[in-house]
Amino acid sequence: APAVHLTAALAFAGWLIAGAGVHQALLIAVAVLLITCPCA
């Protein structure tokens, strides 16, 4: 749980700093949350 939260938060913040909009940064953070789902 903390690892996933930290990874998604860093991805969101990193893309905002890189100049992406909130919408794009949020989509990337959501993708990180989903792709790191421990289903496998």
ModelCIF file with pLDDT and N, C-alpha, C, O atoms, coordinates in Angstrom:
data_MODEL
#
_entry.id   MODEL 
#
_entity.id                         1 
_entity.type                       polymer 
_entity.pdbx_number_of_molecules   1 
#
_entity_poly.entity_id                      1 
_entity_poly.type                           'polypeptide(L)' 
_entity_poly.nstd_linkage                   no 
_entity_poly.nstd_monomer                   no 
_entity_poly.pdbx_seq_one_letter_code       APAVHLTAALAFAGWLIAGAGVHQALLIAVAVLLITCPCA 
_entity_poly.pdbx_seq_one_letter_code_can   APAVHLTAALAFAGWLIAGAGVHQALLIAVAVLLITCPCA 
_entity_poly.pdbx_strand_id                 A 
#
loop_
_entity_poly_seq.entity_id 
_entity_poly_seq.num 
_entity_poly_seq.mon_id 
_entity_poly_seq.hetero 
1 1  ALA n 
1 2  PRO n 
1 3  ALA n 
1 4  VAL n 
1 5  HIS n 
1 6  LEU n 
1 7  THR n 
1 8  ALA n 
1 9  ALA n 
1 10 LEU n 
1 11 ALA n 
1 12 PHE n 
1 13 ALA n 
1 14 GLY n 
1 15 TRP n 
1 16 LEU n 
1 17 ILE n 
1 18 ALA n 
1 19 GLY n 
1 20 ALA n 
1 21 GLY n 
1 22 VAL n 
1 23 HIS n 
1 24 GLN n 
1 25 ALA n 
1 26 LEU n 
1 27 LEU n 
1 28 ILE n 
1 29 ALA n 
1 30 VAL n 
1 31 ALA n 
1 32 VAL n 
1 33 LEU n 
1 34 LEU n 
1 35 ILE n 
1 36 THR n 
1 37 CYS n 
1 38 PRO n 
1 39 CYS n 
1 40 ALA n 
#
_struct_asym.id          A 
_struct_asym.entity_id   1 
#
loop_
_ma_qa_metric.id 
_ma_qa_metric.mode 
_ma_qa_metric.name 
_ma_qa_metric.software_group_id 
_ma_qa_metric.type 
1 global pLDDT . pLDDT 
2 local  pLDDT . pLDDT 
#
_ma_qa_metric_global.metric_id      1 
_ma_qa_metric_global.metric_value   78.33 
_ma_qa_metric_global.model_id       1 
_ma_qa_metric_global.ordinal_id     1 
#
loop_
_ma_qa_metric_local.label_asym_id 
_ma_qa_metric_local.label_comp_id 
_ma_qa_metric_local.label_seq_id 
_ma_qa_metric_local.metric_id 
_ma_qa_metric_local.metric_value 
_ma_qa_metric_local.model_id 
_ma_qa_metric_local.ordinal_id 
A ALA 1  2 60.00 1 1  
A PRO 2  2 71.00 1 2  
A ALA 3  2 74.00 1 3  
A VAL 4  2 72.00 1 4  
A HIS 5  2 70.00 1 5  
A LEU 6  2 81.00 1 6  
A THR 7  2 82.00 1 7  
A ALA 8  2 80.00 1 8  
A ALA 9  2 84.00 1 9  
A LEU 10 2 88.00 1 10 
A ALA 11 2 87.00 1 11 
A PHE 12 2 86.00 1 12 
A ALA 13 2 90.00 1 13 
A GLY 14 2 89.00 1 14 
A TRP 15 2 88.00 1 15 
A LEU 16 2 87.00 1 16 
A ILE 17 2 88.00 1 17 
A ALA 18 2 86.00 1 18 
A GLY 19 2 83.00 1 19 
A ALA 20 2 83.00 1 20 
A GLY 21 2 81.00 1 21 
A VAL 22 2 82.00 1 22 
A HIS 23 2 78.00 1 23 
A GLN 24 2 81.00 1 24 
A ALA 25 2 85.00 1 25 
A LEU 26 2 81.00 1 26 
A LEU 27 2 78.00 1 27 
A ILE 28 2 83.00 1 28 
A ALA 29 2 82.00 1 29 
A VAL 30 2 77.00 1 30 
A ALA 31 2 77.00 1 31 
A VAL 32 2 80.00 1 32 
A LEU 33 2 72.00 1 33 
A LEU 34 2 70.00 1 34 
A ILE 35 2 73.00 1 35 
A THR 36 2 71.00 1 36 
A CYS 37 2 64.00 1 37 
A PRO 38 2 62.00 1 38 
A CYS 39 2 61.00 1 39 
A ALA 40 2 66.00 1 40 
#
loop_
_atom_site.group_PDB 
_atom_site.id 
_atom_site.type_symbol 
_atom_site.label_atom_id 
_atom_site.label_alt_id 
_atom_site.label_comp_id 
_atom_site.label_asym_id 
_atom_site.label_entity_id 
_atom_site.label_seq_id 
_atom_site.pdbx_PDB_ins_code 
_atom_site.Cartn_x 
_atom_site.Cartn_y 
_atom_site.Cartn_z 
_atom_site.occupancy 
_atom_site.B_iso_or_equiv 
_atom_site.pdbx_formal_charge 
_atom_site.auth_seq_id 
_atom_site.auth_comp_id 
_atom_site.auth_asym_id 
_atom_site.auth_atom_id 
_atom_site.pdbx_PDB_model_num 
ATOM 1   N N  . ALA A 1 1  ? 0.813  -1.214  0.000   1.00 60.00 ? 1  ALA A N  1 
ATOM 2   C CA . ALA A 1 1  ? 0.000  0.000   0.000   1.00 60.00 ? 1  ALA A CA 1 
ATOM 3   C C  . ALA A 1 1  ? 0.850  1.270   0.000   1.00 60.00 ? 1  ALA A C  1 
ATOM 4   O O  . ALA A 1 1  ? 0.676  2.103   -0.889  1.00 60.00 ? 1  ALA A O  1 
ATOM 5   N N  . PRO A 1 2  ? 1.758  1.453   0.953   1.00 71.00 ? 2  PRO A N  1 
ATOM 6   C CA . PRO A 1 2  ? 2.544  2.692   0.903   1.00 71.00 ? 2  PRO A CA 1 
ATOM 7   C C  . PRO A 1 2  ? 3.419  2.798   -0.341  1.00 71.00 ? 2  PRO A C  1 
ATOM 8   O O  . PRO A 1 2  ? 3.634  3.903   -0.840  1.00 71.00 ? 2  PRO A O  1 
ATOM 9   N N  . ALA A 1 3  ? 3.925  1.684   -0.853  1.00 74.00 ? 3  ALA A N  1 
ATOM 10  C CA . ALA A 1 3  ? 4.769  1.733   -2.047  1.00 74.00 ? 3  ALA A CA 1 
ATOM 11  C C  . ALA A 1 3  ? 3.972  2.205   -3.256  1.00 74.00 ? 3  ALA A C  1 
ATOM 12  O O  . ALA A 1 3  ? 4.448  3.026   -4.040  1.00 74.00 ? 3  ALA A O  1 
ATOM 13  N N  . VAL A 1 4  ? 2.762  1.684   -3.401  1.00 72.00 ? 4  VAL A N  1 
ATOM 14  C CA . VAL A 1 4  ? 1.917  2.083   -4.535  1.00 72.00 ? 4  VAL A CA 1 
ATOM 15  C C  . VAL A 1 4  ? 1.512  3.552   -4.419  1.00 72.00 ? 4  VAL A C  1 
ATOM 16  O O  . VAL A 1 4  ? 1.558  4.294   -5.400  1.00 72.00 ? 4  VAL A O  1 
ATOM 17  N N  . HIS A 1 5  ? 1.111  3.972   -3.197  1.00 70.00 ? 5  HIS A N  1 
ATOM 18  C CA . HIS A 1 5  ? 0.731  5.373   -3.002  1.00 70.00 ? 5  HIS A CA 1 
ATOM 19  C C  . HIS A 1 5  ? 1.891  6.297   -3.356  1.00 70.00 ? 5  HIS A C  1 
ATOM 20  O O  . HIS A 1 5  ? 1.706  7.305   -4.038  1.00 70.00 ? 5  HIS A O  1 
ATOM 21  N N  . LEU A 1 6  ? 3.086  5.946   -2.888  1.00 81.00 ? 6  LEU A N  1 
ATOM 22  C CA . LEU A 1 6  ? 4.254  6.786   -3.130  1.00 81.00 ? 6  LEU A CA 1 
ATOM 23  C C  . LEU A 1 6  ? 4.592  6.838   -4.619  1.00 81.00 ? 6  LEU A C  1 
ATOM 24  O O  . LEU A 1 6  ? 4.903  7.903   -5.151  1.00 81.00 ? 6  LEU A O  1 
ATOM 25  N N  . THR A 1 7  ? 4.531  5.684   -5.290  1.00 82.00 ? 7  THR A N  1 
ATOM 26  C CA . THR A 1 7  ? 4.855  5.641   -6.723  1.00 82.00 ? 7  THR A CA 1 
ATOM 27  C C  . THR A 1 7  ? 3.875  6.490   -7.533  1.00 82.00 ? 7  THR A C  1 
ATOM 28  O O  . THR A 1 7  ? 4.282  7.268   -8.395  1.00 82.00 ? 7  THR A O  1 
ATOM 29  N N  . ALA A 1 8  ? 2.567  6.330   -7.244  1.00 80.00 ? 8  ALA A N  1 
ATOM 30  C CA . ALA A 1 8  ? 1.557  7.103   -7.984  1.00 80.00 ? 8  ALA A CA 1 
ATOM 31  C C  . ALA A 1 8  ? 1.689  8.597   -7.694  1.00 80.00 ? 8  ALA A C  1 
ATOM 32  O O  . ALA A 1 8  ? 1.559  9.420   -8.600  1.00 80.00 ? 8  ALA A O  1 
ATOM 33  N N  . ALA A 1 9  ? 1.947  8.949   -6.436  1.00 84.00 ? 9  ALA A N  1 
ATOM 34  C CA . ALA A 1 9  ? 2.089  10.365  -6.073  1.00 84.00 ? 9  ALA A CA 1 
ATOM 35  C C  . ALA A 1 9  ? 3.307  10.982  -6.754  1.00 84.00 ? 9  ALA A C  1 
ATOM 36  O O  . ALA A 1 9  ? 3.236  12.105  -7.254  1.00 84.00 ? 9  ALA A O  1 
ATOM 37  N N  . LEU A 1 10 ? 4.430  10.252  -6.776  1.00 88.00 ? 10 LEU A N  1 
ATOM 38  C CA . LEU A 1 10 ? 5.632  10.763  -7.427  1.00 88.00 ? 10 LEU A CA 1 
ATOM 39  C C  . LEU A 1 10 ? 5.413  10.925  -8.926  1.00 88.00 ? 10 LEU A C  1 
ATOM 40  O O  . LEU A 1 10 ? 5.887  11.891  -9.523  1.00 88.00 ? 10 LEU A O  1 
ATOM 41  N N  . ALA A 1 11 ? 4.683  9.964   -9.548  1.00 87.00 ? 11 ALA A N  1 
ATOM 42  C CA . ALA A 1 11 ? 4.393  10.085  -10.982 1.00 87.00 ? 11 ALA A CA 1 
ATOM 43  C C  . ALA A 1 11 ? 3.540  11.318  -11.256 1.00 87.00 ? 11 ALA A C  1 
ATOM 44  O O  . ALA A 1 11 ? 3.790  12.050  -12.214 1.00 87.00 ? 11 ALA A O  1 
ATOM 45  N N  . PHE A 1 12 ? 2.525  11.551  -10.408 1.00 86.00 ? 12 PHE A N  1 
ATOM 46  C CA . PHE A 1 12 ? 1.649  12.718  -10.574 1.00 86.00 ? 12 PHE A CA 1 
ATOM 47  C C  . PHE A 1 12 ? 2.444  14.015  -10.423 1.00 86.00 ? 12 PHE A C  1 
ATOM 48  O O  . PHE A 1 12 ? 2.344  14.926  -11.244 1.00 86.00 ? 12 PHE A O  1 
ATOM 49  N N  . ALA A 1 13 ? 3.240  14.071  -9.342  1.00 90.00 ? 13 ALA A N  1 
ATOM 50  C CA . ALA A 1 13 ? 4.013  15.291  -9.093  1.00 90.00 ? 13 ALA A CA 1 
ATOM 51  C C  . ALA A 1 13 ? 5.071  15.504  -10.166 1.00 90.00 ? 13 ALA A C  1 
ATOM 52  O O  . ALA A 1 13 ? 5.304  16.629  -10.609 1.00 90.00 ? 13 ALA A O  1 
ATOM 53  N N  . GLY A 1 14 ? 5.707  14.412  -10.580 1.00 89.00 ? 14 GLY A N  1 
ATOM 54  C CA . GLY A 1 14 ? 6.758  14.543  -11.590 1.00 89.00 ? 14 GLY A CA 1 
ATOM 55  C C  . GLY A 1 14 ? 6.237  15.079  -12.902 1.00 89.00 ? 14 GLY A C  1 
ATOM 56  O O  . GLY A 1 14 ? 6.889  15.910  -13.533 1.00 89.00 ? 14 GLY A O  1 
ATOM 57  N N  . TRP A 1 15 ? 5.078  14.621  -13.321 1.00 88.00 ? 15 TRP A N  1 
ATOM 58  C CA . TRP A 1 15 ? 4.524  15.093  -14.589 1.00 88.00 ? 15 TRP A CA 1 
ATOM 59  C C  . TRP A 1 15 ? 4.025  16.538  -14.482 1.00 88.00 ? 15 TRP A C  1 
ATOM 60  O O  . TRP A 1 15 ? 4.088  17.295  -15.451 1.00 88.00 ? 15 TRP A O  1 
ATOM 61  N N  . LEU A 1 16 ? 3.529  16.916  -13.299 1.00 87.00 ? 16 LEU A N  1 
ATOM 62  C CA . LEU A 1 16 ? 3.148  18.321  -13.117 1.00 87.00 ? 16 LEU A CA 1 
ATOM 63  C C  . LEU A 1 16 ? 4.374  19.219  -13.212 1.00 87.00 ? 16 LEU A C  1 
ATOM 64  O O  . LEU A 1 16 ? 4.332  20.275  -13.842 1.00 87.00 ? 16 LEU A O  1 
ATOM 65  N N  . ILE A 1 17 ? 5.462  18.794  -12.586 1.00 88.00 ? 17 ILE A N  1 
ATOM 66  C CA . ILE A 1 17 ? 6.692  19.579  -12.631 1.00 88.00 ? 17 ILE A CA 1 
ATOM 67  C C  . ILE A 1 17 ? 7.227  19.654  -14.057 1.00 88.00 ? 17 ILE A C  1 
ATOM 68  O O  . ILE A 1 17 ? 7.788  20.667  -14.472 1.00 88.00 ? 17 ILE A O  1 
ATOM 69  N N  . ALA A 1 18 ? 7.040  18.546  -14.809 1.00 86.00 ? 18 ALA A N  1 
ATOM 70  C CA . ALA A 1 18 ? 7.530  18.512  -16.191 1.00 86.00 ? 18 ALA A CA 1 
ATOM 71  C C  . ALA A 1 18 ? 6.689  19.354  -17.132 1.00 86.00 ? 18 ALA A C  1 
ATOM 72  O O  . ALA A 1 18 ? 7.037  19.511  -18.303 1.00 86.00 ? 18 ALA A O  1 
ATOM 73  N N  . GLY A 1 19 ? 5.566  19.907  -16.628 1.00 83.00 ? 19 GLY A N  1 
ATOM 74  C CA . GLY A 1 19 ? 4.764  20.799  -17.441 1.00 83.00 ? 19 GLY A CA 1 
ATOM 75  C C  . GLY A 1 19 ? 3.475  20.208  -17.969 1.00 83.00 ? 19 GLY A C  1 
ATOM 76  O O  . GLY A 1 19 ? 2.745  20.873  -18.704 1.00 83.00 ? 19 GLY A O  1 
ATOM 77  N N  . ALA A 1 20 ? 3.181  18.963  -17.605 1.00 83.00 ? 20 ALA A N  1 
ATOM 78  C CA . ALA A 1 20 ? 1.924  18.363  -18.059 1.00 83.00 ? 20 ALA A CA 1 
ATOM 79  C C  . ALA A 1 20 ? 0.755  18.968  -17.286 1.00 83.00 ? 20 ALA A C  1 
ATOM 80  O O  . ALA A 1 20 ? 0.940  19.472  -16.178 1.00 83.00 ? 20 ALA A O  1 
ATOM 81  N N  . GLY A 1 21 ? -0.421 18.922  -17.851 1.00 81.00 ? 21 GLY A N  1 
ATOM 82  C CA . GLY A 1 21 ? -1.606 19.399  -17.168 1.00 81.00 ? 21 GLY A CA 1 
ATOM 83  C C  . GLY A 1 21 ? -2.067 18.430  -16.095 1.00 81.00 ? 21 GLY A C  1 
ATOM 84  O O  . GLY A 1 21 ? -1.613 17.288  -16.023 1.00 81.00 ? 21 GLY A O  1 
ATOM 85  N N  . VAL A 1 22 ? -3.001 18.924  -15.244 1.00 82.00 ? 22 VAL A N  1 
ATOM 86  C CA . VAL A 1 22 ? -3.523 18.090  -14.165 1.00 82.00 ? 22 VAL A CA 1 
ATOM 87  C C  . VAL A 1 22 ? -4.212 16.854  -14.729 1.00 82.00 ? 22 VAL A C  1 
ATOM 88  O O  . VAL A 1 22 ? -4.089 15.760  -14.178 1.00 82.00 ? 22 VAL A O  1 
ATOM 89  N N  . HIS A 1 23 ? -4.934 17.034  -15.828 1.00 78.00 ? 23 HIS A N  1 
ATOM 90  C CA . HIS A 1 23 ? -5.665 15.914  -16.427 1.00 78.00 ? 23 HIS A CA 1 
ATOM 91  C C  . HIS A 1 23 ? -4.708 14.805  -16.858 1.00 78.00 ? 23 HIS A C  1 
ATOM 92  O O  . HIS A 1 23 ? -4.931 13.638  -16.536 1.00 78.00 ? 23 HIS A O  1 
ATOM 93  N N  . GLN A 1 24 ? -3.664 15.151  -17.571 1.00 81.00 ? 24 GLN A N  1 
ATOM 94  C CA . GLN A 1 24 ? -2.724 14.133  -18.034 1.00 81.00 ? 24 GLN A CA 1 
ATOM 95  C C  . GLN A 1 24 ? -1.978 13.496  -16.866 1.00 81.00 ? 24 GLN A C  1 
ATOM 96  O O  . GLN A 1 24 ? -1.793 12.280  -16.827 1.00 81.00 ? 24 GLN A O  1 
ATOM 97  N N  . ALA A 1 25 ? -1.547 14.335  -15.903 1.00 85.00 ? 25 ALA A N  1 
ATOM 98  C CA . ALA A 1 25 ? -0.825 13.796  -14.743 1.00 85.00 ? 25 ALA A CA 1 
ATOM 99  C C  . ALA A 1 25 ? -1.705 12.848  -13.950 1.00 85.00 ? 25 ALA A C  1 
ATOM 100 O O  . ALA A 1 25 ? -1.238 11.828  -13.443 1.00 85.00 ? 25 ALA A O  1 
ATOM 101 N N  . LEU A 1 26 ? -2.988 13.192  -13.846 1.00 81.00 ? 26 LEU A N  1 
ATOM 102 C CA . LEU A 1 26 ? -3.901 12.336  -13.104 1.00 81.00 ? 26 LEU A CA 1 
ATOM 103 C C  . LEU A 1 26 ? -4.120 11.016  -13.823 1.00 81.00 ? 26 LEU A C  1 
ATOM 104 O O  . LEU A 1 26 ? -4.186 9.967   -13.182 1.00 81.00 ? 26 LEU A O  1 
ATOM 105 N N  . LEU A 1 27 ? -4.234 11.052  -15.150 1.00 78.00 ? 27 LEU A N  1 
ATOM 106 C CA . LEU A 1 27 ? -4.391 9.812   -15.917 1.00 78.00 ? 27 LEU A CA 1 
ATOM 107 C C  . LEU A 1 27 ? -3.185 8.894   -15.726 1.00 78.00 ? 27 LEU A C  1 
ATOM 108 O O  . LEU A 1 27 ? -3.344 7.680   -15.603 1.00 78.00 ? 27 LEU A O  1 
ATOM 109 N N  . ILE A 1 28 ? -2.000 9.460   -15.701 1.00 83.00 ? 28 ILE A N  1 
ATOM 110 C CA . ILE A 1 28 ? -0.789 8.657   -15.508 1.00 83.00 ? 28 ILE A CA 1 
ATOM 111 C C  . ILE A 1 28 ? -0.775 8.059   -14.109 1.00 83.00 ? 28 ILE A C  1 
ATOM 112 O O  . ILE A 1 28 ? -0.402 6.899   -13.937 1.00 83.00 ? 28 ILE A O  1 
ATOM 113 N N  . ALA A 1 29 ? -1.179 8.839   -13.101 1.00 82.00 ? 29 ALA A N  1 
ATOM 114 C CA . ALA A 1 29 ? -1.227 8.331   -11.727 1.00 82.00 ? 29 ALA A CA 1 
ATOM 115 C C  . ALA A 1 29 ? -2.234 7.188   -11.610 1.00 82.00 ? 29 ALA A C  1 
ATOM 116 O O  . ALA A 1 29 ? -1.978 6.193   -10.932 1.00 82.00 ? 29 ALA A O  1 
ATOM 117 N N  . VAL A 1 30 ? -3.390 7.337   -12.280 1.00 77.00 ? 30 VAL A N  1 
ATOM 118 C CA . VAL A 1 30 ? -4.385 6.267   -12.266 1.00 77.00 ? 30 VAL A CA 1 
ATOM 119 C C  . VAL A 1 30 ? -3.831 5.016   -12.939 1.00 77.00 ? 30 VAL A C  1 
ATOM 120 O O  . VAL A 1 30 ? -4.030 3.902   -12.454 1.00 77.00 ? 30 VAL A O  1 
ATOM 121 N N  . ALA A 1 31 ? -3.134 5.207   -14.060 1.00 77.00 ? 31 ALA A N  1 
ATOM 122 C CA . ALA A 1 31 ? -2.538 4.060   -14.752 1.00 77.00 ? 31 ALA A CA 1 
ATOM 123 C C  . ALA A 1 31 ? -1.543 3.341   -13.853 1.00 77.00 ? 31 ALA A C  1 
ATOM 124 O O  . ALA A 1 31 ? -1.477 2.112   -13.848 1.00 77.00 ? 31 ALA A O  1 
ATOM 125 N N  . VAL A 1 32 ? -0.766 4.114   -13.091 1.00 80.00 ? 32 VAL A N  1 
ATOM 126 C CA . VAL A 1 32 ? 0.189  3.501   -12.157 1.00 80.00 ? 32 VAL A CA 1 
ATOM 127 C C  . VAL A 1 32 ? -0.548 2.698   -11.096 1.00 80.00 ? 32 VAL A C  1 
ATOM 128 O O  . VAL A 1 32 ? -0.152 1.577   -10.773 1.00 80.00 ? 32 VAL A O  1 
ATOM 129 N N  . LEU A 1 33 ? -1.619 3.270   -10.554 1.00 72.00 ? 33 LEU A N  1 
ATOM 130 C CA . LEU A 1 33 ? -2.386 2.555   -9.533  1.00 72.00 ? 33 LEU A CA 1 
ATOM 131 C C  . LEU A 1 33 ? -2.951 1.249   -10.069 1.00 72.00 ? 33 LEU A C  1 
ATOM 132 O O  . LEU A 1 33 ? -2.920 0.225   -9.388  1.00 72.00 ? 33 LEU A O  1 
ATOM 133 N N  . LEU A 1 34 ? -3.467 1.289   -11.295 1.00 70.00 ? 34 LEU A N  1 
ATOM 134 C CA . LEU A 1 34 ? -4.073 0.088   -11.874 1.00 70.00 ? 34 LEU A CA 1 
ATOM 135 C C  . LEU A 1 34 ? -3.026 -0.948  -12.263 1.00 70.00 ? 34 LEU A C  1 
ATOM 136 O O  . LEU A 1 34 ? -3.194 -2.139  -11.998 1.00 70.00 ? 34 LEU A O  1 
ATOM 137 N N  . ILE A 1 35 ? -1.945 -0.493  -12.892 1.00 73.00 ? 35 ILE A N  1 
ATOM 138 C CA . ILE A 1 35 ? -0.976 -1.448  -13.420 1.00 73.00 ? 35 ILE A CA 1 
ATOM 139 C C  . ILE A 1 35 ? -0.188 -2.120  -12.307 1.00 73.00 ? 35 ILE A C  1 
ATOM 140 O O  . ILE A 1 35 ? 0.362  -3.205  -12.495 1.00 73.00 ? 35 ILE A O  1 
ATOM 141 N N  . THR A 1 36 ? -0.135 -1.470  -11.140 1.00 71.00 ? 36 THR A N  1 
ATOM 142 C CA . THR A 1 36 ? 0.552  -2.080  -9.996  1.00 71.00 ? 36 THR A CA 1 
ATOM 143 C C  . THR A 1 36 ? -0.395 -2.908  -9.138  1.00 71.00 ? 36 THR A C  1 
ATOM 144 O O  . THR A 1 36 ? -0.008 -3.387  -8.072  1.00 71.00 ? 36 THR A O  1 
ATOM 145 N N  . CYS A 1 37 ? -1.631 -3.078  -9.594  1.00 64.00 ? 37 CYS A N  1 
ATOM 146 C CA . CYS A 1 37 ? -2.552 -3.937  -8.847  1.00 64.00 ? 37 CYS A CA 1 
ATOM 147 C C  . CYS A 1 37 ? -1.925 -5.320  -8.688  1.00 64.00 ? 37 CYS A C  1 
ATOM 148 O O  . CYS A 1 37 ? -1.418 -5.875  -9.662  1.00 64.00 ? 37 CYS A O  1 
ATOM 149 N N  . PRO A 1 38 ? -1.948 -5.882  -7.491  1.00 62.00 ? 38 PRO A N  1 
ATOM 150 C CA . PRO A 1 38 ? -1.238 -7.146  -7.247  1.00 62.00 ? 38 PRO A CA 1 
ATOM 151 C C  . PRO A 1 38 ? -2.006 -8.370  -7.716  1.00 62.00 ? 38 PRO A C  1 
ATOM 152 O O  . PRO A 1 38 ? -1.901 -9.431  -7.102  1.00 62.00 ? 38 PRO A O  1 
ATOM 153 N N  . CYS A 1 39 ? -2.788 -8.244  -8.807  1.00 61.00 ? 39 CYS A N  1 
ATOM 154 C CA . CYS A 1 39 ? -3.574 -9.403  -9.253  1.00 61.00 ? 39 CYS A CA 1 
ATOM 155 C C  . CYS A 1 39 ? -2.680 -10.568 -9.656  1.00 61.00 ? 39 CYS A C  1 
ATOM 156 O O  . CYS A 1 39 ? -2.916 -11.704 -9.245  1.00 61.00 ? 39 CYS A O  1 
ATOM 157 N N  . ALA A 1 40 ? -1.635 -10.288 -10.473 1.00 66.00 ? 40 ALA A N  1 
ATOM 158 C CA . ALA A 1 40 ? -0.760 -11.372 -10.907 1.00 66.00 ? 40 ALA A CA 1 
ATOM 159 C C  . ALA A 1 40 ? -0.038 -11.992 -9.719  1.00 66.00 ? 40 ALA A C  1 
ATOM 160 O O  . ALA A 1 40 ? 0.746  -12.925 -9.892  1.00 66.00 ? 40 ALA A O  1 
#
